[in-house]
Amino acid sequence: SPLETIIYEIIRHFGFTSKQTEDVLRLLVSETGRFVYSPSHRILRNRDWLVISQNESAAQTMVLVEDRDKEVTFEGGKLQFEIIENRYDGAKFAADSSVALLDLKGISFPLIIRKWRPGDYFYPLGMQKKKKLSRFLIDMKLSKFEKERVWIIEMDKRIIWIINRRIDDRFKVTPGTKKILKIELKASQV
């Protein structure tokens, strides 16, 4: 019952003022994607929920990966790189989104780890046509906050892996693959 008071008691710990309580109440009946900012946090309407999240830093970092790198740490976690011989015997690979198995023949270094940007596209594993990354993330039903934490690995301006999500079909392992580049996400915030 005093909804305004209850809302204020919840949001004040995240830097919101009493004057912003009305804006937050309006979020309860608004459409998905609307939000209210405080200096340190924001509240987002995501379907049937209000989600409170810390504001992302504006700086988007890029990390360069050379062919000699075995481990790289970035804002989204830690990636381990390993080159292995393909012992393909007709068996299917285990589906694990935190591991990317890529045909080394199609990969050229350096690789770049960065956050995704509007306009990015790739060929999702199993598809022959390209797909905008923004559409792929919508189809996965990610919230605005989750989308902001999506990282990719690219090479020559081509996405090879949406980290912890999906590899690009053009770099998949086939029976003809001789060497595999295995990339594994270890400590994930993605």
N, C-alpha and C. Protein backbone atom coordinates (compact mmCIF):
# COMPACT_ATOMS: atom_id res chain seq x y z
N SER A 1 0.76 -1.19 0.00
CA SER A 1 0.00 0.00 0.00
C SER A 1 0.82 1.27 0.00
N PRO A 2 1.40 1.95 0.71
CA PRO A 2 1.91 3.23 0.17
C PRO A 2 3.02 2.98 -0.86
N LEU A 3 2.61 2.74 -2.12
CA LEU A 3 3.53 2.31 -3.18
C LEU A 3 4.67 3.32 -3.39
N GLU A 4 4.32 4.60 -3.38
CA GLU A 4 5.34 5.63 -3.59
C GLU A 4 6.45 5.54 -2.54
N THR A 5 6.08 5.35 -1.30
CA THR A 5 7.05 5.25 -0.20
C THR A 5 7.89 3.99 -0.33
N ILE A 6 7.26 2.89 -0.66
CA ILE A 6 7.99 1.62 -0.81
C ILE A 6 9.00 1.72 -1.96
N ILE A 7 8.57 2.28 -3.09
CA ILE A 7 9.47 2.46 -4.23
C ILE A 7 10.65 3.33 -3.83
N TYR A 8 10.40 4.44 -3.17
CA TYR A 8 11.49 5.33 -2.78
C TYR A 8 12.47 4.63 -1.85
N GLU A 9 11.97 3.87 -0.91
CA GLU A 9 12.84 3.16 0.04
C GLU A 9 13.74 2.15 -0.69
N ILE A 10 13.26 1.59 -1.77
CA ILE A 10 14.07 0.65 -2.55
C ILE A 10 15.11 1.38 -3.39
N ILE A 11 14.71 2.46 -4.07
CA ILE A 11 15.60 3.08 -5.05
C ILE A 11 16.59 4.08 -4.45
N ARG A 12 16.33 4.59 -3.26
CA ARG A 12 17.21 5.63 -2.69
C ARG A 12 18.62 5.12 -2.45
N HIS A 13 18.77 3.82 -2.22
CA HIS A 13 20.09 3.24 -1.99
C HIS A 13 20.93 3.18 -3.26
N PHE A 14 20.31 3.46 -4.39
CA PHE A 14 21.00 3.42 -5.68
C PHE A 14 21.18 4.81 -6.28
N GLY A 15 21.08 5.84 -5.44
CA GLY A 15 21.35 7.21 -5.89
C GLY A 15 20.17 7.94 -6.49
N PHE A 16 18.96 7.39 -6.40
CA PHE A 16 17.78 8.07 -6.92
C PHE A 16 17.21 9.01 -5.88
N THR A 17 16.65 10.12 -6.34
CA THR A 17 16.06 11.11 -5.43
C THR A 17 14.56 10.86 -5.26
N SER A 18 13.98 11.50 -4.27
CA SER A 18 12.54 11.34 -4.04
C SER A 18 11.74 11.88 -5.22
N LYS A 19 12.28 12.88 -5.92
CA LYS A 19 11.60 13.44 -7.09
C LYS A 19 11.53 12.44 -8.24
N GLN A 20 12.45 11.47 -8.28
CA GLN A 20 12.46 10.48 -9.36
C GLN A 20 11.49 9.32 -9.09
N THR A 21 10.89 9.29 -7.92
CA THR A 21 9.95 8.22 -7.58
C THR A 21 8.80 8.18 -8.58
N GLU A 22 8.27 9.34 -8.96
CA GLU A 22 7.17 9.38 -9.94
C GLU A 22 7.59 8.81 -11.28
N ASP A 23 8.84 9.10 -11.71
CA ASP A 23 9.35 8.55 -12.97
C ASP A 23 9.42 7.03 -12.91
N VAL A 24 9.84 6.51 -11.77
CA VAL A 24 9.94 5.06 -11.60
C VAL A 24 8.54 4.44 -11.59
N LEU A 25 7.59 5.09 -10.96
CA LEU A 25 6.20 4.61 -10.96
C LEU A 25 5.64 4.56 -12.38
N ARG A 26 5.99 5.55 -13.21
CA ARG A 26 5.55 5.54 -14.60
C ARG A 26 6.15 4.36 -15.38
N LEU A 27 7.34 3.93 -14.97
CA LEU A 27 7.96 2.77 -15.63
C LEU A 27 7.11 1.51 -15.46
N LEU A 28 6.36 1.43 -14.35
CA LEU A 28 5.53 0.26 -14.09
C LEU A 28 4.48 0.02 -15.18
N VAL A 29 4.08 1.08 -15.87
CA VAL A 29 3.06 0.95 -16.91
C VAL A 29 3.59 1.32 -18.30
N SER A 30 4.91 1.49 -18.41
CA SER A 30 5.50 1.86 -19.71
C SER A 30 5.88 0.62 -20.50
N GLU A 31 6.41 0.84 -21.68
CA GLU A 31 6.83 -0.27 -22.54
C GLU A 31 8.25 -0.71 -22.20
N THR A 32 8.59 -1.91 -22.63
CA THR A 32 9.93 -2.45 -22.41
C THR A 32 10.98 -1.54 -23.05
N GLY A 33 12.08 -1.34 -22.33
CA GLY A 33 13.18 -0.53 -22.86
C GLY A 33 13.27 0.86 -22.27
N ARG A 34 12.23 1.32 -21.60
CA ARG A 34 12.27 2.64 -20.96
C ARG A 34 13.11 2.56 -19.69
N PHE A 35 13.77 3.66 -19.33
CA PHE A 35 14.61 3.64 -18.13
C PHE A 35 14.71 5.00 -17.49
N VAL A 36 15.18 5.01 -16.23
CA VAL A 36 15.41 6.21 -15.44
C VAL A 36 16.83 6.11 -14.89
N TYR A 37 17.60 7.22 -14.98
CA TYR A 37 19.00 7.24 -14.53
C TYR A 37 19.16 7.92 -13.18
N SER A 38 20.13 7.45 -12.41
CA SER A 38 20.68 8.18 -11.28
C SER A 38 22.16 8.35 -11.62
N PRO A 39 22.93 9.07 -10.80
CA PRO A 39 24.36 9.21 -11.13
C PRO A 39 25.11 7.87 -11.21
N SER A 40 24.68 6.87 -10.46
CA SER A 40 25.43 5.61 -10.43
C SER A 40 24.67 4.41 -10.99
N HIS A 41 23.34 4.50 -11.08
CA HIS A 41 22.53 3.35 -11.49
C HIS A 41 21.43 3.78 -12.46
N ARG A 42 20.74 2.80 -12.97
CA ARG A 42 19.54 3.07 -13.76
C ARG A 42 18.55 1.94 -13.54
N ILE A 43 17.30 2.27 -13.76
CA ILE A 43 16.22 1.30 -13.63
C ILE A 43 15.61 1.15 -15.02
N LEU A 44 15.53 -0.10 -15.47
CA LEU A 44 15.05 -0.40 -16.81
C LEU A 44 13.78 -1.23 -16.71
N ARG A 45 12.81 -0.89 -17.56
CA ARG A 45 11.60 -1.71 -17.69
C ARG A 45 11.93 -2.81 -18.69
N ASN A 46 11.94 -4.07 -18.24
CA ASN A 46 12.22 -5.21 -19.11
C ASN A 46 11.09 -6.21 -18.96
N ARG A 47 10.18 -6.18 -19.93
CA ARG A 47 8.98 -7.01 -19.92
C ARG A 47 8.17 -6.77 -18.64
N ASP A 48 8.06 -7.76 -17.75
CA ASP A 48 7.25 -7.59 -16.53
C ASP A 48 8.07 -7.15 -15.32
N TRP A 49 9.32 -6.79 -15.53
CA TRP A 49 10.21 -6.50 -14.41
C TRP A 49 10.80 -5.10 -14.51
N LEU A 50 11.16 -4.56 -13.35
CA LEU A 50 12.01 -3.38 -13.29
C LEU A 50 13.37 -3.89 -12.84
N VAL A 51 14.41 -3.58 -13.62
CA VAL A 51 15.74 -4.08 -13.33
C VAL A 51 16.63 -2.90 -12.96
N ILE A 52 17.32 -3.01 -11.82
CA ILE A 52 18.25 -1.97 -11.39
C ILE A 52 19.65 -2.47 -11.72
N SER A 53 20.42 -1.61 -12.41
CA SER A 53 21.76 -1.98 -12.83
C SER A 53 22.69 -0.80 -12.67
N GLN A 54 23.97 -1.11 -12.43
CA GLN A 54 24.97 -0.07 -12.35
C GLN A 54 25.21 0.49 -13.74
N ASN A 55 25.44 1.80 -13.84
CA ASN A 55 25.73 2.42 -15.14
C ASN A 55 27.02 1.87 -15.70
N GLU A 56 27.02 1.59 -17.01
CA GLU A 56 28.22 1.11 -17.69
C GLU A 56 29.16 2.28 -17.93
N SER A 57 30.45 2.01 -17.91
CA SER A 57 31.41 3.06 -18.24
C SER A 57 31.33 3.33 -19.74
N ALA A 58 31.55 4.54 -20.11
CA ALA A 58 31.43 4.92 -21.52
C ALA A 58 32.58 4.37 -22.35
N ALA A 59 33.71 4.14 -21.73
CA ALA A 59 34.88 3.68 -22.49
C ALA A 59 34.71 2.22 -22.91
N GLN A 60 34.82 2.00 -24.20
CA GLN A 60 34.79 0.64 -24.72
C GLN A 60 36.22 0.25 -25.01
N THR A 61 36.67 -0.76 -24.33
CA THR A 61 38.04 -1.19 -24.53
C THR A 61 38.12 -2.24 -25.62
N MET A 62 39.27 -2.29 -26.25
CA MET A 62 39.56 -3.31 -27.24
C MET A 62 40.82 -4.02 -26.78
N VAL A 63 40.85 -5.31 -26.96
CA VAL A 63 42.02 -6.09 -26.59
C VAL A 63 42.52 -6.79 -27.84
N LEU A 64 43.81 -6.68 -28.08
CA LEU A 64 44.44 -7.31 -29.23
C LEU A 64 44.99 -8.67 -28.81
N VAL A 65 44.73 -9.69 -29.62
CA VAL A 65 45.21 -11.04 -29.35
C VAL A 65 46.18 -11.45 -30.45
N GLU A 66 47.42 -11.73 -30.08
CA GLU A 66 48.43 -12.20 -31.03
C GLU A 66 48.44 -13.71 -31.06
N ASP A 67 49.05 -14.30 -32.09
CA ASP A 67 49.06 -15.75 -32.23
C ASP A 67 49.83 -16.45 -31.11
N ARG A 68 50.74 -15.77 -30.44
CA ARG A 68 51.50 -16.38 -29.35
C ARG A 68 50.79 -16.31 -28.00
N ASP A 69 49.70 -15.55 -27.91
CA ASP A 69 48.96 -15.41 -26.65
C ASP A 69 48.24 -16.70 -26.29
N LYS A 70 48.41 -17.14 -25.06
CA LYS A 70 47.73 -18.34 -24.57
C LYS A 70 46.56 -17.98 -23.66
N GLU A 71 46.61 -16.78 -23.07
CA GLU A 71 45.55 -16.35 -22.16
C GLU A 71 45.43 -14.83 -22.24
N VAL A 72 44.22 -14.36 -22.30
CA VAL A 72 43.96 -12.93 -22.39
C VAL A 72 42.84 -12.59 -21.41
N THR A 73 43.05 -11.56 -20.61
CA THR A 73 42.03 -11.10 -19.67
C THR A 73 41.43 -9.80 -20.23
N PHE A 74 40.12 -9.71 -20.18
CA PHE A 74 39.42 -8.51 -20.63
C PHE A 74 38.28 -8.26 -19.66
N GLU A 75 37.55 -7.19 -19.86
CA GLU A 75 36.48 -6.80 -18.94
C GLU A 75 35.42 -7.89 -18.76
N GLY A 76 35.19 -8.70 -19.77
CA GLY A 76 34.16 -9.74 -19.71
C GLY A 76 34.62 -11.06 -19.12
N GLY A 77 35.90 -11.20 -18.81
CA GLY A 77 36.40 -12.44 -18.23
C GLY A 77 37.81 -12.76 -18.71
N LYS A 78 38.11 -14.05 -18.78
CA LYS A 78 39.43 -14.51 -19.19
C LYS A 78 39.25 -15.55 -20.30
N LEU A 79 40.01 -15.37 -21.39
CA LEU A 79 39.96 -16.30 -22.52
C LEU A 79 41.27 -17.07 -22.59
N GLN A 80 41.16 -18.38 -22.80
CA GLN A 80 42.33 -19.21 -23.01
C GLN A 80 42.33 -19.69 -24.46
N PHE A 81 43.50 -19.62 -25.10
CA PHE A 81 43.65 -19.99 -26.50
C PHE A 81 44.54 -21.22 -26.60
N GLU A 82 44.14 -22.17 -27.43
CA GLU A 82 44.91 -23.39 -27.61
C GLU A 82 44.70 -23.90 -29.04
N ILE A 83 45.79 -24.35 -29.63
CA ILE A 83 45.70 -24.95 -30.97
C ILE A 83 45.80 -26.46 -30.80
N ILE A 84 44.82 -27.17 -31.33
CA ILE A 84 44.80 -28.63 -31.19
C ILE A 84 44.63 -29.28 -32.56
N GLU A 85 45.14 -30.50 -32.68
CA GLU A 85 44.97 -31.28 -33.90
C GLU A 85 43.52 -31.76 -33.97
N ASN A 86 42.96 -31.78 -35.17
CA ASN A 86 41.59 -32.27 -35.33
C ASN A 86 41.61 -33.79 -35.40
N ARG A 87 41.00 -34.41 -34.43
CA ARG A 87 40.86 -35.86 -34.41
C ARG A 87 39.40 -36.19 -34.70
N TYR A 88 38.88 -35.59 -35.74
CA TYR A 88 37.47 -35.73 -36.10
C TYR A 88 37.17 -37.17 -36.49
N ASP A 89 36.25 -37.79 -35.77
CA ASP A 89 35.90 -39.18 -36.07
C ASP A 89 34.41 -39.33 -36.38
N GLY A 90 33.77 -38.24 -36.78
CA GLY A 90 32.35 -38.30 -37.10
C GLY A 90 31.45 -37.98 -35.92
N ALA A 91 32.03 -37.91 -34.71
CA ALA A 91 31.23 -37.61 -33.52
C ALA A 91 30.93 -36.12 -33.49
N LYS A 92 29.85 -35.77 -32.86
CA LYS A 92 29.46 -34.37 -32.70
C LYS A 92 30.24 -33.76 -31.54
N PHE A 93 30.55 -32.47 -31.65
CA PHE A 93 31.18 -31.76 -30.55
C PHE A 93 30.13 -31.41 -29.52
N ALA A 94 30.52 -31.40 -28.27
CA ALA A 94 29.59 -31.01 -27.21
C ALA A 94 29.24 -29.53 -27.37
N ALA A 95 27.98 -29.22 -27.22
CA ALA A 95 27.53 -27.83 -27.34
C ALA A 95 27.78 -27.11 -26.03
N ASP A 96 28.78 -26.26 -26.03
CA ASP A 96 29.13 -25.48 -24.84
C ASP A 96 29.39 -24.06 -25.32
N SER A 97 28.53 -23.13 -24.95
CA SER A 97 28.66 -21.76 -25.46
C SER A 97 29.91 -21.06 -24.94
N SER A 98 30.54 -21.57 -23.87
CA SER A 98 31.74 -20.93 -23.34
C SER A 98 33.00 -21.40 -24.06
N VAL A 99 32.87 -22.29 -25.03
CA VAL A 99 34.01 -22.80 -25.81
C VAL A 99 33.72 -22.60 -27.29
N ALA A 100 34.69 -22.01 -27.98
CA ALA A 100 34.58 -21.86 -29.43
C ALA A 100 35.64 -22.74 -30.07
N LEU A 101 35.22 -23.64 -30.97
CA LEU A 101 36.13 -24.47 -31.74
C LEU A 101 36.07 -23.97 -33.17
N LEU A 102 37.20 -23.45 -33.67
CA LEU A 102 37.23 -22.80 -34.97
C LEU A 102 38.30 -23.43 -35.85
N ASP A 103 38.04 -23.45 -37.15
CA ASP A 103 39.00 -23.97 -38.11
C ASP A 103 40.16 -22.98 -38.21
N LEU A 104 41.35 -23.39 -37.77
CA LEU A 104 42.50 -22.49 -37.74
C LEU A 104 42.89 -22.00 -39.13
N LYS A 105 42.60 -22.78 -40.17
CA LYS A 105 42.96 -22.41 -41.54
C LYS A 105 42.33 -21.06 -41.93
N GLY A 106 41.14 -20.78 -41.44
CA GLY A 106 40.46 -19.54 -41.80
C GLY A 106 40.77 -18.36 -40.89
N ILE A 107 41.59 -18.59 -39.87
CA ILE A 107 41.87 -17.54 -38.88
C ILE A 107 43.22 -16.90 -39.16
N SER A 108 43.25 -15.58 -39.12
CA SER A 108 44.52 -14.86 -39.22
C SER A 108 44.61 -13.88 -38.05
N PHE A 109 45.77 -13.83 -37.44
CA PHE A 109 45.99 -12.97 -36.29
C PHE A 109 46.50 -11.63 -36.77
N PRO A 110 46.33 -10.56 -36.00
CA PRO A 110 45.78 -10.50 -34.64
C PRO A 110 44.25 -10.53 -34.64
N LEU A 111 43.73 -10.99 -33.52
CA LEU A 111 42.28 -10.98 -33.28
C LEU A 111 41.99 -9.78 -32.38
N ILE A 112 40.77 -9.29 -32.45
CA ILE A 112 40.36 -8.16 -31.61
C ILE A 112 39.17 -8.58 -30.77
N ILE A 113 39.27 -8.34 -29.46
CA ILE A 113 38.14 -8.56 -28.55
C ILE A 113 37.56 -7.19 -28.26
N ARG A 114 36.26 -7.04 -28.49
CA ARG A 114 35.61 -5.75 -28.25
C ARG A 114 34.14 -5.98 -27.96
N LYS A 115 33.47 -4.92 -27.47
CA LYS A 115 32.02 -4.99 -27.30
C LYS A 115 31.37 -4.85 -28.67
N TRP A 116 30.19 -5.44 -28.81
CA TRP A 116 29.48 -5.36 -30.09
C TRP A 116 28.99 -3.94 -30.32
N ARG A 117 28.76 -3.62 -31.59
CA ARG A 117 28.26 -2.30 -31.97
C ARG A 117 27.08 -2.45 -32.91
N PRO A 118 26.18 -1.48 -32.93
CA PRO A 118 25.10 -1.52 -33.92
C PRO A 118 25.71 -1.57 -35.32
N GLY A 119 25.12 -2.38 -36.19
CA GLY A 119 25.64 -2.54 -37.54
C GLY A 119 26.48 -3.80 -37.70
N ASP A 120 26.96 -4.37 -36.58
CA ASP A 120 27.71 -5.63 -36.65
C ASP A 120 26.81 -6.72 -37.20
N TYR A 121 27.39 -7.63 -37.97
CA TYR A 121 26.64 -8.78 -38.45
C TYR A 121 27.57 -9.99 -38.48
N PHE A 122 26.99 -11.17 -38.54
CA PHE A 122 27.75 -12.40 -38.66
C PHE A 122 26.87 -13.46 -39.28
N TYR A 123 27.43 -14.64 -39.53
CA TYR A 123 26.70 -15.77 -40.07
C TYR A 123 26.55 -16.79 -38.93
N PRO A 124 25.41 -16.81 -38.23
CA PRO A 124 25.26 -17.72 -37.09
C PRO A 124 25.49 -19.17 -37.50
N LEU A 125 26.09 -19.94 -36.62
CA LEU A 125 26.37 -21.34 -36.89
C LEU A 125 25.10 -22.03 -37.36
N GLY A 126 25.20 -22.71 -38.51
CA GLY A 126 24.05 -23.41 -39.08
C GLY A 126 23.29 -22.60 -40.11
N MET A 127 23.64 -21.32 -40.29
CA MET A 127 22.93 -20.47 -41.26
C MET A 127 23.89 -20.07 -42.37
N GLN A 128 23.37 -19.96 -43.57
CA GLN A 128 24.17 -19.55 -44.72
C GLN A 128 24.02 -18.07 -45.03
N LYS A 129 23.07 -17.42 -44.36
CA LYS A 129 22.84 -16.00 -44.59
C LYS A 129 23.33 -15.20 -43.38
N LYS A 130 23.74 -13.95 -43.64
CA LYS A 130 24.20 -13.12 -42.54
C LYS A 130 23.01 -12.61 -41.73
N LYS A 131 23.30 -12.27 -40.48
CA LYS A 131 22.27 -11.77 -39.58
C LYS A 131 22.87 -10.62 -38.78
N LYS A 132 22.10 -9.57 -38.65
CA LYS A 132 22.56 -8.45 -37.83
C LYS A 132 22.66 -8.94 -36.39
N LEU A 133 23.72 -8.54 -35.72
CA LEU A 133 23.94 -8.95 -34.34
C LEU A 133 22.84 -8.39 -33.44
N SER A 134 22.37 -7.20 -33.72
CA SER A 134 21.29 -6.62 -32.92
C SER A 134 20.04 -7.50 -32.99
N ARG A 135 19.71 -8.04 -34.16
CA ARG A 135 18.55 -8.91 -34.33
C ARG A 135 18.78 -10.24 -33.60
N PHE A 136 20.01 -10.77 -33.67
CA PHE A 136 20.35 -12.01 -32.98
C PHE A 136 20.15 -11.85 -31.47
N LEU A 137 20.57 -10.71 -30.92
CA LEU A 137 20.44 -10.48 -29.47
C LEU A 137 18.97 -10.30 -29.08
N ILE A 138 18.18 -9.70 -29.95
CA ILE A 138 16.74 -9.57 -29.69
C ILE A 138 16.11 -10.96 -29.69
N ASP A 139 16.48 -11.79 -30.67
CA ASP A 139 15.94 -13.14 -30.74
C ASP A 139 16.29 -13.97 -29.52
N MET A 140 17.44 -13.66 -28.89
CA MET A 140 17.84 -14.37 -27.68
C MET A 140 17.13 -13.80 -26.44
N LYS A 141 16.33 -12.76 -26.63
CA LYS A 141 15.56 -12.12 -25.57
C LYS A 141 16.45 -11.58 -24.44
N LEU A 142 17.57 -10.94 -24.83
CA LEU A 142 18.45 -10.34 -23.85
C LEU A 142 17.92 -8.97 -23.46
N SER A 143 18.06 -8.62 -22.21
CA SER A 143 17.67 -7.28 -21.76
C SER A 143 18.70 -6.27 -22.25
N LYS A 144 18.37 -5.01 -22.14
CA LYS A 144 19.30 -3.95 -22.55
C LYS A 144 20.62 -4.07 -21.80
N PHE A 145 20.56 -4.39 -20.50
CA PHE A 145 21.77 -4.52 -19.70
C PHE A 145 22.61 -5.70 -20.16
N GLU A 146 21.97 -6.82 -20.46
CA GLU A 146 22.71 -7.99 -20.93
C GLU A 146 23.36 -7.71 -22.29
N LYS A 147 22.67 -6.98 -23.15
CA LYS A 147 23.22 -6.64 -24.46
C LYS A 147 24.47 -5.78 -24.32
N GLU A 148 24.49 -4.91 -23.32
CA GLU A 148 25.65 -4.04 -23.12
C GLU A 148 26.88 -4.82 -22.67
N ARG A 149 26.70 -6.04 -22.21
CA ARG A 149 27.83 -6.86 -21.74
C ARG A 149 28.22 -7.94 -22.74
N VAL A 150 27.75 -7.82 -23.97
CA VAL A 150 28.09 -8.81 -25.00
C VAL A 150 29.40 -8.39 -25.68
N TRP A 151 30.35 -9.32 -25.70
CA TRP A 151 31.66 -9.11 -26.32
C TRP A 151 31.79 -10.02 -27.53
N ILE A 152 32.59 -9.58 -28.48
CA ILE A 152 32.84 -10.39 -29.68
C ILE A 152 34.34 -10.50 -29.92
N ILE A 153 34.71 -11.50 -30.72
CA ILE A 153 36.07 -11.58 -31.24
C ILE A 153 35.96 -11.42 -32.74
N GLU A 154 36.76 -10.50 -33.28
CA GLU A 154 36.73 -10.28 -34.72
C GLU A 154 38.12 -10.39 -35.32
N MET A 155 38.14 -10.64 -36.61
CA MET A 155 39.37 -10.74 -37.37
C MET A 155 39.11 -10.11 -38.73
N ASP A 156 39.94 -9.20 -39.14
CA ASP A 156 39.75 -8.53 -40.43
C ASP A 156 38.32 -8.01 -40.60
N LYS A 157 37.78 -7.42 -39.58
CA LYS A 157 36.43 -6.85 -39.57
C LYS A 157 35.34 -7.89 -39.79
N ARG A 158 35.63 -9.16 -39.48
CA ARG A 158 34.63 -10.23 -39.54
C ARG A 158 34.53 -10.86 -38.16
N ILE A 159 33.33 -10.96 -37.66
CA ILE A 159 33.11 -11.57 -36.35
C ILE A 159 33.32 -13.07 -36.47
N ILE A 160 34.13 -13.63 -35.56
CA ILE A 160 34.31 -15.08 -35.57
C ILE A 160 33.59 -15.75 -34.40
N TRP A 161 33.38 -14.99 -33.31
CA TRP A 161 32.68 -15.56 -32.16
C TRP A 161 32.01 -14.45 -31.36
N ILE A 162 30.74 -14.63 -31.06
CA ILE A 162 30.06 -13.80 -30.07
C ILE A 162 30.32 -14.54 -28.77
N ILE A 163 31.18 -13.98 -27.97
CA ILE A 163 31.70 -14.69 -26.78
C ILE A 163 30.56 -15.17 -25.90
N ASN A 164 30.61 -16.45 -25.59
CA ASN A 164 29.64 -17.12 -24.73
C ASN A 164 28.25 -17.22 -25.36
N ARG A 165 28.16 -17.05 -26.68
CA ARG A 165 26.86 -17.11 -27.35
C ARG A 165 26.90 -18.04 -28.57
N ARG A 166 27.63 -17.65 -29.64
CA ARG A 166 27.58 -18.41 -30.90
C ARG A 166 28.79 -18.08 -31.76
N ILE A 167 29.30 -19.10 -32.49
CA ILE A 167 30.40 -18.85 -33.44
C ILE A 167 29.82 -18.52 -34.81
N ASP A 168 30.67 -18.00 -35.67
CA ASP A 168 30.29 -17.70 -37.04
C ASP A 168 30.44 -18.98 -37.87
N ASP A 169 29.45 -19.27 -38.68
CA ASP A 169 29.42 -20.49 -39.48
C ASP A 169 30.62 -20.60 -40.43
N ARG A 170 31.17 -19.49 -40.88
CA ARG A 170 32.28 -19.51 -41.83
C ARG A 170 33.57 -20.07 -41.23
N PHE A 171 33.62 -20.16 -39.89
CA PHE A 171 34.84 -20.61 -39.22
C PHE A 171 34.65 -21.92 -38.45
N LYS A 172 33.57 -22.63 -38.74
CA LYS A 172 33.27 -23.86 -38.02
C LYS A 172 34.25 -24.98 -38.40
N VAL A 173 34.36 -25.95 -37.51
CA VAL A 173 35.19 -27.12 -37.74
C VAL A 173 34.43 -28.10 -38.64
N THR A 174 35.12 -28.61 -39.66
CA THR A 174 34.52 -29.57 -40.60
C THR A 174 35.40 -30.83 -40.61
N PRO A 175 34.94 -31.90 -41.28
CA PRO A 175 35.78 -33.10 -41.37
C PRO A 175 37.14 -32.82 -42.03
N GLY A 176 37.24 -31.80 -42.86
CA GLY A 176 38.50 -31.46 -43.52
C GLY A 176 39.43 -30.59 -42.70
N THR A 177 39.00 -30.16 -41.54
CA THR A 177 39.80 -29.29 -40.68
C THR A 177 41.01 -30.05 -40.15
N LYS A 178 42.20 -29.47 -40.30
CA LYS A 178 43.43 -30.10 -39.81
C LYS A 178 43.76 -29.65 -38.38
N LYS A 179 43.67 -28.31 -38.14
CA LYS A 179 43.98 -27.77 -36.81
C LYS A 179 42.82 -26.92 -36.34
N ILE A 180 42.57 -26.99 -35.03
CA ILE A 180 41.45 -26.28 -34.42
C ILE A 180 42.01 -25.23 -33.46
N LEU A 181 41.45 -24.02 -33.55
CA LEU A 181 41.72 -23.00 -32.55
C LEU A 181 40.62 -23.12 -31.51
N LYS A 182 41.00 -23.51 -30.30
CA LYS A 182 40.04 -23.63 -29.20
C LYS A 182 40.17 -22.40 -28.33
N ILE A 183 39.05 -21.69 -28.17
CA ILE A 183 39.01 -20.51 -27.29
C ILE A 183 38.00 -20.81 -26.21
N GLU A 184 38.44 -20.68 -24.96
CA GLU A 184 37.55 -21.01 -23.85
C GLU A 184 37.43 -19.83 -22.90
N LEU A 185 36.20 -19.48 -22.59
CA LEU A 185 35.91 -18.41 -21.64
C LEU A 185 35.94 -19.02 -20.24
N LYS A 186 36.82 -18.49 -19.38
CA LYS A 186 36.99 -19.07 -18.05
C LYS A 186 36.15 -18.37 -16.98
N ALA A 187 36.44 -17.13 -16.70
CA ALA A 187 35.71 -16.40 -15.65
C ALA A 187 34.81 -15.39 -16.32
N SER A 188 33.54 -15.68 -16.40
CA SER A 188 32.63 -14.87 -17.21
C SER A 188 31.79 -13.93 -16.38
N GLN A 189 31.66 -12.71 -16.92
CA GLN A 189 30.66 -11.76 -16.41
C GLN A 189 29.66 -11.51 -17.51
N VAL A 190 29.84 -12.19 -18.63
CA VAL A 190 29.00 -11.99 -19.81
C VAL A 190 27.63 -12.57 -19.59
